[in-house]
Amino acid sequence: MADRVAAVQANLEKACGTAGRSPDEVLLVAVSKRKGPEAVGEAVSCGLRTFGENRVQEAKEKIPDCPEQADWHLIGSLQSNKARLAIELFSCIHSIDRLSLLHRLESVCGEAGSTVRGLLQVNVSGEASKHGISPEAAPELIEAACACRNVEVVGLMTMPPAASDPQAAAPYFARLRELRDRWQSTSGLPLPELSMGMSHDYEVAIAEGATMVRVGTALFGERS
């Protein structure tokens, strides 16, 4: 684990240097899905603090047995009926992809007297197999986000099509950055965060402006 963490951090720093950016601008989200509390504890001992989970139920069972220093992000799709549990477990939700979910999160946060940070998941590629709102429909969601008091929408997330060449993801990452710049300008809503890039292509994502990279396999090894 220590060797893998060191390798990822070294690659992250190198990618930032090549892009003329500071490593402090990029948050490493360690994707711990299907890894137990022992693996998370080992990662914390190696200096990692932010962890990403795909499923609310798995996180509910795992988090109580993990170190308290860990901060949790939901990076997988969220069903509206799990919104209340999600705001109890996660400080940031990367997968807000529809108006009804945004309204549900705003409501349950209000009832709980809490707040949550969120990112809008945008389906830049247009693939039917991908979650996310289409770029054409996103401005309505951003307009609704401007009116929220309990959900702080701070950026965008996307997943590019699967490809063996990491550089194939670059146009999709660049497109998300361009959309962010446009929507930020037209709406007046600050959207500083771009969650994009995984183990295969996080260095490409950093070159295109990612501020959060979601890295699992490169840190934890292959999943069973």
C-alpha atoms as a PDB file:
ATOM      1  CA  MET A   1       0.000   0.000   0.000  1.00  0.00           C
ATOM      2  CA  ALA A   2       2.740   2.466   0.923  1.00  0.00           C
ATOM      3  CA  ASP A   3       4.502   1.850  -2.399  1.00  0.00           C
ATOM      4  CA  ARG A   4       1.284   2.266  -4.385  1.00  0.00           C
ATOM      5  CA  VAL A   5       0.349   5.471  -2.544  1.00  0.00           C
ATOM      6  CA  ALA A   6       3.835   6.887  -3.103  1.00  0.00           C
ATOM      7  CA  ALA A   7       3.698   6.007  -6.811  1.00  0.00           C
ATOM      8  CA  VAL A   8       0.296   7.634  -7.334  1.00  0.00           C
ATOM      9  CA  GLN A   9       1.293  10.758  -5.436  1.00  0.00           C
ATOM     10  CA  ALA A  10       4.527  10.999  -7.433  1.00  0.00           C
ATOM     11  CA  ASN A  11       2.622  10.673 -10.711  1.00  0.00           C
ATOM     12  CA  LEU A  12       0.084  13.250  -9.529  1.00  0.00           C
ATOM     13  CA  GLU A  13       2.824  15.702  -8.651  1.00  0.00           C
ATOM     14  CA  LYS A  14       4.576  15.104 -11.975  1.00  0.00           C
ATOM     15  CA  ALA A  15       1.332  15.656 -13.909  1.00  0.00           C
ATOM     16  CA  CYS A  16       0.702  18.870 -11.993  1.00  0.00           C
ATOM     17  CA  GLY A  17       4.226  20.074 -12.696  1.00  0.00           C
ATOM     18  CA  THR A  18       3.853  19.372 -16.405  1.00  0.00           C
ATOM     19  CA  ALA A  19       0.559  21.286 -16.427  1.00  0.00           C
ATOM     20  CA  GLY A  20       2.031  24.203 -14.477  1.00  0.00           C
ATOM     21  CA  ARG A  21      -0.219  23.502 -11.509  1.00  0.00           C
ATOM     22  CA  SER A  22       0.347  22.976  -7.796  1.00  0.00           C
ATOM     23  CA  PRO A  23      -0.381  19.496  -6.380  1.00  0.00           C
ATOM     24  CA  ASP A  24      -2.404  21.301  -3.715  1.00  0.00           C
ATOM     25  CA  GLU A  25      -4.979  22.050  -6.420  1.00  0.00           C
ATOM     26  CA  VAL A  26      -5.840  18.361  -6.874  1.00  0.00           C
ATOM     27  CA  LEU A  27      -7.617  16.239  -4.272  1.00  0.00           C
ATOM     28  CA  LEU A  28      -6.836  12.529  -4.414  1.00  0.00           C
ATOM     29  CA  VAL A  29     -10.041  10.584  -3.725  1.00  0.00           C
ATOM     30  CA  ALA A  30      -9.116   6.996  -2.881  1.00  0.00           C
ATOM     31  CA  VAL A  31     -11.884   4.775  -4.260  1.00  0.00           C
ATOM     32  CA  SER A  32     -12.368   2.089  -1.629  1.00  0.00           C
ATOM     33  CA  LYS A  33     -15.398   0.257  -3.019  1.00  0.00           C
ATOM     34  CA  ARG A  34     -15.330  -3.466  -2.247  1.00  0.00           C
ATOM     35  CA  LYS A  35     -12.369  -2.925   0.094  1.00  0.00           C
ATOM     36  CA  GLY A  36     -12.813  -3.474   3.812  1.00  0.00           C
ATOM     37  CA  PRO A  37     -12.028  -1.292   6.825  1.00  0.00           C
ATOM     38  CA  GLU A  38      -8.560  -2.844   7.168  1.00  0.00           C
ATOM     39  CA  ALA A  39      -7.581  -1.609   3.702  1.00  0.00           C
ATOM     40  CA  VAL A  40      -8.989   1.837   4.460  1.00  0.00           C
ATOM     41  CA  GLY A  41      -7.093   1.913   7.749  1.00  0.00           C
ATOM     42  CA  GLU A  42      -3.874   1.014   5.952  1.00  0.00           C
ATOM     43  CA  ALA A  43      -4.491   3.788   3.432  1.00  0.00           C
ATOM     44  CA  VAL A  44      -5.081   6.281   6.251  1.00  0.00           C
ATOM     45  CA  SER A  45      -1.801   5.214   7.837  1.00  0.00           C
ATOM     46  CA  CYS A  46      -0.143   6.056   4.500  1.00  0.00           C
ATOM     47  CA  GLY A  47      -1.528   9.581   4.617  1.00  0.00           C
ATOM     48  CA  LEU A  48      -4.751   9.314   2.595  1.00  0.00           C
ATOM     49  CA  ARG A  49      -7.794  11.051   4.036  1.00  0.00           C
ATOM     50  CA  THR A  50     -10.510  11.242   1.356  1.00  0.00           C
ATOM     51  CA  PHE A  51     -12.284   8.089   0.259  1.00  0.00           C
ATOM     52  CA  GLY A  52     -14.873   7.456  -2.430  1.00  0.00           C
ATOM     53  CA  GLU A  53     -17.648   4.878  -2.305  1.00  0.00           C
ATOM     54  CA  ASN A  54     -20.055   3.812  -5.042  1.00  0.00           C
ATOM     55  CA  ARG A  55     -22.869   2.373  -2.949  1.00  0.00           C
ATOM     56  CA  VAL A  56     -24.594   3.922   0.044  1.00  0.00           C
ATOM     57  CA  GLN A  57     -25.371   0.577   1.645  1.00  0.00           C
ATOM     58  CA  GLU A  58     -21.782  -0.650   1.459  1.00  0.00           C
ATOM     59  CA  ALA A  59     -20.585   2.615   2.966  1.00  0.00           C
ATOM     60  CA  LYS A  60     -23.128   2.349   5.797  1.00  0.00           C
ATOM     61  CA  GLU A  61     -21.736  -1.045   6.788  1.00  0.00           C
ATOM     62  CA  LYS A  62     -18.081  -0.076   6.373  1.00  0.00           C
ATOM     63  CA  ILE A  63     -17.668   3.467   7.686  1.00  0.00           C
ATOM     64  CA  PRO A  64     -18.304   2.769  11.396  1.00  0.00           C
ATOM     65  CA  ASP A  65     -15.300   0.410  11.406  1.00  0.00           C
ATOM     66  CA  CYS A  66     -12.980   2.812   9.569  1.00  0.00           C
ATOM     67  CA  PRO A  67     -10.683   5.458  11.101  1.00  0.00           C
ATOM     68  CA  GLU A  68     -12.425   8.654  12.141  1.00  0.00           C
ATOM     69  CA  GLN A  69      -9.932  10.734  10.125  1.00  0.00           C
ATOM     70  CA  ALA A  70     -11.445   9.458   6.882  1.00  0.00           C
ATOM     71  CA  ASP A  71     -13.668  11.860   4.924  1.00  0.00           C
ATOM     72  CA  TRP A  72     -16.187  10.190   2.626  1.00  0.00           C
ATOM     73  CA  HIS A  73     -17.415  11.105  -0.850  1.00  0.00           C
ATOM     74  CA  LEU A  74     -20.198   9.340  -2.738  1.00  0.00           C
ATOM     75  CA  ILE A  75     -19.054   8.882  -6.326  1.00  0.00           C
ATOM     76  CA  GLY A  76     -21.673   6.368  -7.500  1.00  0.00           C
ATOM     77  CA  SER A  77     -25.254   6.993  -8.551  1.00  0.00           C
ATOM     78  CA  LEU A  78     -27.709   7.877  -5.786  1.00  0.00           C
ATOM     79  CA  GLN A  79     -31.315   6.767  -5.534  1.00  0.00           C
ATOM     80  CA  SER A  80     -33.615   9.418  -4.080  1.00  0.00           C
ATOM     81  CA  ASN A  81     -34.826   7.035  -1.365  1.00  0.00           C
ATOM     82  CA  LYS A  82     -31.262   6.815  -0.013  1.00  0.00           C
ATOM     83  CA  ALA A  83     -30.704  10.583   0.058  1.00  0.00           C
ATOM     84  CA  ARG A  84     -31.280  10.900   3.807  1.00  0.00           C
ATOM     85  CA  LEU A  85     -28.721   8.206   4.583  1.00  0.00           C
ATOM     86  CA  ALA A  86     -26.283   9.663   2.060  1.00  0.00           C
ATOM     87  CA  ILE A  87     -26.144  13.050   3.776  1.00  0.00           C
ATOM     88  CA  GLU A  88     -25.400  11.299   7.072  1.00  0.00           C
ATOM     89  CA  LEU A  89     -22.452   9.396   5.617  1.00  0.00           C
ATOM     90  CA  PHE A  90     -20.892  11.674   3.001  1.00  0.00           C
ATOM     91  CA  SER A  91     -19.512  15.203   3.017  1.00  0.00           C
ATOM     92  CA  CYS A  92     -19.664  15.431  -0.790  1.00  0.00           C
ATOM     93  CA  ILE A  93     -21.872  13.782  -3.416  1.00  0.00           C
ATOM     94  CA  HIS A  94     -20.357  13.671  -6.916  1.00  0.00           C
ATOM     95  CA  SER A  95     -23.400  12.238  -8.692  1.00  0.00           C
ATOM     96  CA  ILE A  96     -26.279  14.731  -8.652  1.00  0.00           C
ATOM     97  CA  ASP A  97     -27.744  14.100 -12.093  1.00  0.00           C
ATOM     98  CA  ARG A  98     -31.401  15.144 -12.021  1.00  0.00           C
ATOM     99  CA  LEU A  99     -33.639  17.868 -10.665  1.00  0.00           C
ATOM    100  CA  SER A 100     -35.674  15.519  -8.469  1.00  0.00           C
ATOM    101  CA  LEU A 101     -32.529  14.304  -6.683  1.00  0.00           C
ATOM    102  CA  LEU A 102     -31.306  17.848  -6.069  1.00  0.00           C
ATOM    103  CA  HIS A 103     -34.685  18.776  -4.581  1.00  0.00           C
ATOM    104  CA  ARG A 104     -34.691  15.639  -2.430  1.00  0.00           C
ATOM    105  CA  LEU A 105     -31.232  16.366  -1.061  1.00  0.00           C
ATOM    106  CA  GLU A 106     -32.205  19.978  -0.367  1.00  0.00           C
ATOM    107  CA  SER A 107     -35.289  18.774   1.506  1.00  0.00           C
ATOM    108  CA  VAL A 108     -33.632  16.118   3.671  1.00  0.00           C
ATOM    109  CA  CYS A 109     -30.740  18.436   4.512  1.00  0.00           C
ATOM    110  CA  GLY A 110     -33.239  21.073   5.600  1.00  0.00           C
ATOM    111  CA  GLU A 111     -35.075  18.586   7.788  1.00  0.00           C
ATOM    112  CA  ALA A 112     -31.800  17.404   9.330  1.00  0.00           C
ATOM    113  CA  GLY A 113     -30.425  20.912   9.818  1.00  0.00           C
ATOM    114  CA  SER A 114     -27.338  20.009   7.816  1.00  0.00           C
ATOM    115  CA  THR A 115     -25.613  20.846   4.553  1.00  0.00           C
ATOM    116  CA  VAL A 116     -23.787  18.817   1.917  1.00  0.00           C
ATOM    117  CA  ARG A 117     -21.440  19.680  -0.927  1.00  0.00           C
ATOM    118  CA  GLY A 118     -22.373  18.347  -4.323  1.00  0.00           C
ATOM    119  CA  LEU A 119     -21.235  18.046  -7.906  1.00  0.00           C
ATOM    120  CA  LEU A 120     -23.435  17.739 -10.952  1.00  0.00           C
ATOM    121  CA  GLN A 121     -22.683  14.614 -12.971  1.00  0.00           C
ATOM    122  CA  VAL A 122     -22.677  15.470 -16.673  1.00  0.00           C
ATOM    123  CA  ASN A 123     -22.813  12.807 -19.374  1.00  0.00           C
ATOM    124  CA  VAL A 124     -20.410  14.517 -21.775  1.00  0.00           C
ATOM    125  CA  SER A 125     -20.019  11.453 -23.999  1.00  0.00           C
ATOM    126  CA  GLY A 126     -23.749  10.905 -24.506  1.00  0.00           C
ATOM    127  CA  GLU A 127     -23.382   7.172 -23.872  1.00  0.00           C
ATOM    128  CA  ALA A 128     -26.649   5.537 -22.855  1.00  0.00           C
ATOM    129  CA  SER A 129     -24.783   3.324 -20.385  1.00  0.00           C
ATOM    130  CA  LYS A 130     -23.462   6.334 -18.456  1.00  0.00           C
ATOM    131  CA  HIS A 131     -25.268   8.150 -15.676  1.00  0.00           C
ATOM    132  CA  GLY A 132     -25.370  11.931 -15.767  1.00  0.00           C
ATOM    133  CA  ILE A 133     -27.435  14.774 -17.088  1.00  0.00           C
ATOM    134  CA  SER A 134     -26.983  15.827 -20.701  1.00  0.00           C
ATOM    135  CA  PRO A 135     -25.148  19.101 -21.361  1.00  0.00           C
ATOM    136  CA  GLU A 136     -28.333  20.469 -22.943  1.00  0.00           C
ATOM    137  CA  ALA A 137     -30.391  19.833 -19.801  1.00  0.00           C
ATOM    138  CA  ALA A 138     -27.754  20.875 -17.277  1.00  0.00           C
ATOM    139  CA  PRO A 139     -28.460  24.649 -17.234  1.00  0.00           C
ATOM    140  CA  GLU A 140     -31.885  24.024 -15.683  1.00  0.00           C
ATOM    141  CA  LEU A 141     -30.233  21.980 -12.939  1.00  0.00           C
ATOM    142  CA  ILE A 142     -27.638  24.701 -12.368  1.00  0.00           C
ATOM    143  CA  GLU A 143     -30.382  27.324 -12.124  1.00  0.00           C
ATOM    144  CA  ALA A 144     -32.082  25.223  -9.443  1.00  0.00           C
ATOM    145  CA  ALA A 145     -28.765  24.802  -7.640  1.00  0.00           C
ATOM    146  CA  CYS A 146     -28.432  28.579  -7.388  1.00  0.00           C
ATOM    147  CA  ALA A 147     -31.569  28.637  -5.250  1.00  0.00           C
ATOM    148  CA  CYS A 148     -30.466  25.883  -2.860  1.00  0.00           C
ATOM    149  CA  ARG A 149     -29.567  26.756   0.712  1.00  0.00           C
ATOM    150  CA  ASN A 150     -28.603  23.341   2.023  1.00  0.00           C
ATOM    151  CA  VAL A 151     -26.922  21.733  -0.988  1.00  0.00           C
ATOM    152  CA  GLU A 152     -23.795  23.620  -2.015  1.00  0.00           C
ATOM    153  CA  VAL A 153     -23.132  22.718  -5.643  1.00  0.00           C
ATOM    154  CA  VAL A 154     -19.421  23.317  -6.128  1.00  0.00           C
ATOM    155  CA  GLY A 155     -18.601  21.747  -9.490  1.00  0.00           C
ATOM    156  CA  LEU A 156     -19.061  19.045 -12.101  1.00  0.00           C
ATOM    157  CA  MET A 157     -18.187  15.379 -12.541  1.00  0.00           C
ATOM    158  CA  THR A 158     -17.940  13.162 -15.611  1.00  0.00           C
ATOM    159  CA  MET A 159     -16.801   9.733 -16.798  1.00  0.00           C
ATOM    160  CA  PRO A 160     -15.367   9.363 -20.315  1.00  0.00           C
ATOM    161  CA  PRO A 161     -15.934   6.307 -22.520  1.00  0.00           C
ATOM    162  CA  ALA A 162     -13.738   3.309 -21.733  1.00  0.00           C
ATOM    163  CA  ALA A 163     -10.592   3.239 -23.874  1.00  0.00           C
ATOM    164  CA  SER A 164      -7.202   1.554 -23.717  1.00  0.00           C
ATOM    165  CA  ASP A 165      -5.401   4.816 -24.531  1.00  0.00           C
ATOM    166  CA  PRO A 166      -5.626   7.317 -21.635  1.00  0.00           C
ATOM    167  CA  GLN A 167      -5.291  10.220 -24.076  1.00  0.00           C
ATOM    168  CA  ALA A 168      -8.632   9.233 -25.608  1.00  0.00           C
ATOM    169  CA  ALA A 169     -10.289  10.732 -22.525  1.00  0.00           C
ATOM    170  CA  ALA A 170      -8.731  14.173 -23.026  1.00  0.00           C
ATOM    171  CA  PRO A 171     -11.467  15.630 -25.281  1.00  0.00           C
ATOM    172  CA  TYR A 172     -14.166  14.663 -22.774  1.00  0.00           C
ATOM    173  CA  PHE A 173     -12.273  16.193 -19.871  1.00  0.00           C
ATOM    174  CA  ALA A 174     -11.629  19.343 -21.887  1.00  0.00           C
ATOM    175  CA  ARG A 175     -15.312  19.506 -22.801  1.00  0.00           C
ATOM    176  CA  LEU A 176     -16.360  19.348 -19.148  1.00  0.00           C
ATOM    177  CA  ARG A 177     -13.963  22.177 -18.311  1.00  0.00           C
ATOM    178  CA  GLU A 178     -15.342  24.269 -21.171  1.00  0.00           C
ATOM    179  CA  LEU A 179     -18.921  23.634 -20.036  1.00  0.00           C
ATOM    180  CA  ARG A 180     -17.974  24.562 -16.472  1.00  0.00           C
ATOM    181  CA  ASP A 181     -16.446  27.839 -17.611  1.00  0.00           C
ATOM    182  CA  ARG A 182     -19.527  28.690 -19.658  1.00  0.00           C
ATOM    183  CA  TRP A 183     -22.083  27.783 -17.008  1.00  0.00           C
ATOM    184  CA  GLN A 184     -20.105  29.495 -14.284  1.00  0.00           C
ATOM    185  CA  SER A 185     -20.130  32.672 -16.350  1.00  0.00           C
ATOM    186  CA  THR A 186     -23.798  32.560 -17.347  1.00  0.00           C
ATOM    187  CA  SER A 187     -25.209  31.487 -13.963  1.00  0.00           C
ATOM    188  CA  GLY A 188     -22.917  33.310 -11.573  1.00  0.00           C
ATOM    189  CA  LEU A 189     -22.647  30.078  -9.564  1.00  0.00           C
ATOM    190  CA  PRO A 190     -19.024  29.326  -8.590  1.00  0.00           C
ATOM    191  CA  LEU A 191     -18.092  25.867  -9.839  1.00  0.00           C
ATOM    192  CA  PRO A 192     -14.438  25.465  -8.842  1.00  0.00           C
ATOM    193  CA  GLU A 193     -14.366  21.667  -8.696  1.00  0.00           C
ATOM    194  CA  LEU A 194     -13.928  19.256 -11.607  1.00  0.00           C
ATOM    195  CA  SER A 195     -14.108  15.590 -10.595  1.00  0.00           C
ATOM    196  CA  MET A 196     -12.664  13.611 -13.493  1.00  0.00           C
ATOM    197  CA  GLY A 197     -10.021  10.982 -14.043  1.00  0.00           C
ATOM    198  CA  MET A 198      -9.519   7.523 -12.537  1.00  0.00           C
ATOM    199  CA  SER A 199      -6.585   5.106 -12.180  1.00  0.00           C
ATOM    200  CA  HIS A 200      -6.198   4.751 -15.940  1.00  0.00           C
ATOM    201  CA  ASP A 201      -6.311   8.414 -16.930  1.00  0.00           C
ATOM    202  CA  TYR A 202      -5.987  10.701 -13.904  1.00  0.00           C
ATOM    203  CA  GLU A 203      -2.787  12.257 -15.240  1.00  0.00           C
ATOM    204  CA  VAL A 204      -4.622  13.238 -18.443  1.00  0.00           C
ATOM    205  CA  ALA A 205      -7.451  14.644 -16.330  1.00  0.00           C
ATOM    206  CA  ILE A 206      -5.026  16.771 -14.332  1.00  0.00           C
ATOM    207  CA  ALA A 207      -3.646  18.205 -17.584  1.00  0.00           C
ATOM    208  CA  GLU A 208      -7.209  19.211 -18.505  1.00  0.00           C
ATOM    209  CA  GLY A 209      -7.984  20.883 -15.182  1.00  0.00           C
ATOM    210  CA  ALA A 210      -9.241  18.195 -12.785  1.00  0.00           C
ATOM    211  CA  THR A 211      -9.383  19.264  -9.139  1.00  0.00           C
ATOM    212  CA  MET A 212     -10.509  15.839  -7.881  1.00  0.00           C
ATOM    213  CA  VAL A 213      -9.263  12.505  -9.232  1.00  0.00           C
ATOM    214  CA  ARG A 214     -10.973   9.243  -8.258  1.00  0.00           C
ATOM    215  CA  VAL A 215      -8.270   6.576  -7.993  1.00  0.00           C
ATOM    216  CA  GLY A 216      -9.010   3.027  -6.861  1.00  0.00           C
ATOM    217  CA  THR A 217      -7.102   0.185  -8.525  1.00  0.00           C
ATOM    218  CA  ALA A 218      -3.792   2.056  -8.617  1.00  0.00           C
ATOM    219  CA  LEU A 219      -4.020   2.456  -4.818  1.00  0.00           C
ATOM    220  CA  PHE A 220      -5.782  -0.685  -3.608  1.00  0.00           C
ATOM    221  CA  GLY A 221      -4.954  -3.179  -6.353  1.00  0.00           C
ATOM    222  CA  GLU A 222      -7.472  -5.205  -8.322  1.00  0.00           C
ATOM    223  CA  ARG A 223     -10.865  -5.834  -6.741  1.00  0.00           C
ATOM    224  CA  SER A 224     -12.305  -9.278  -6.240  1.00  0.00           C
END
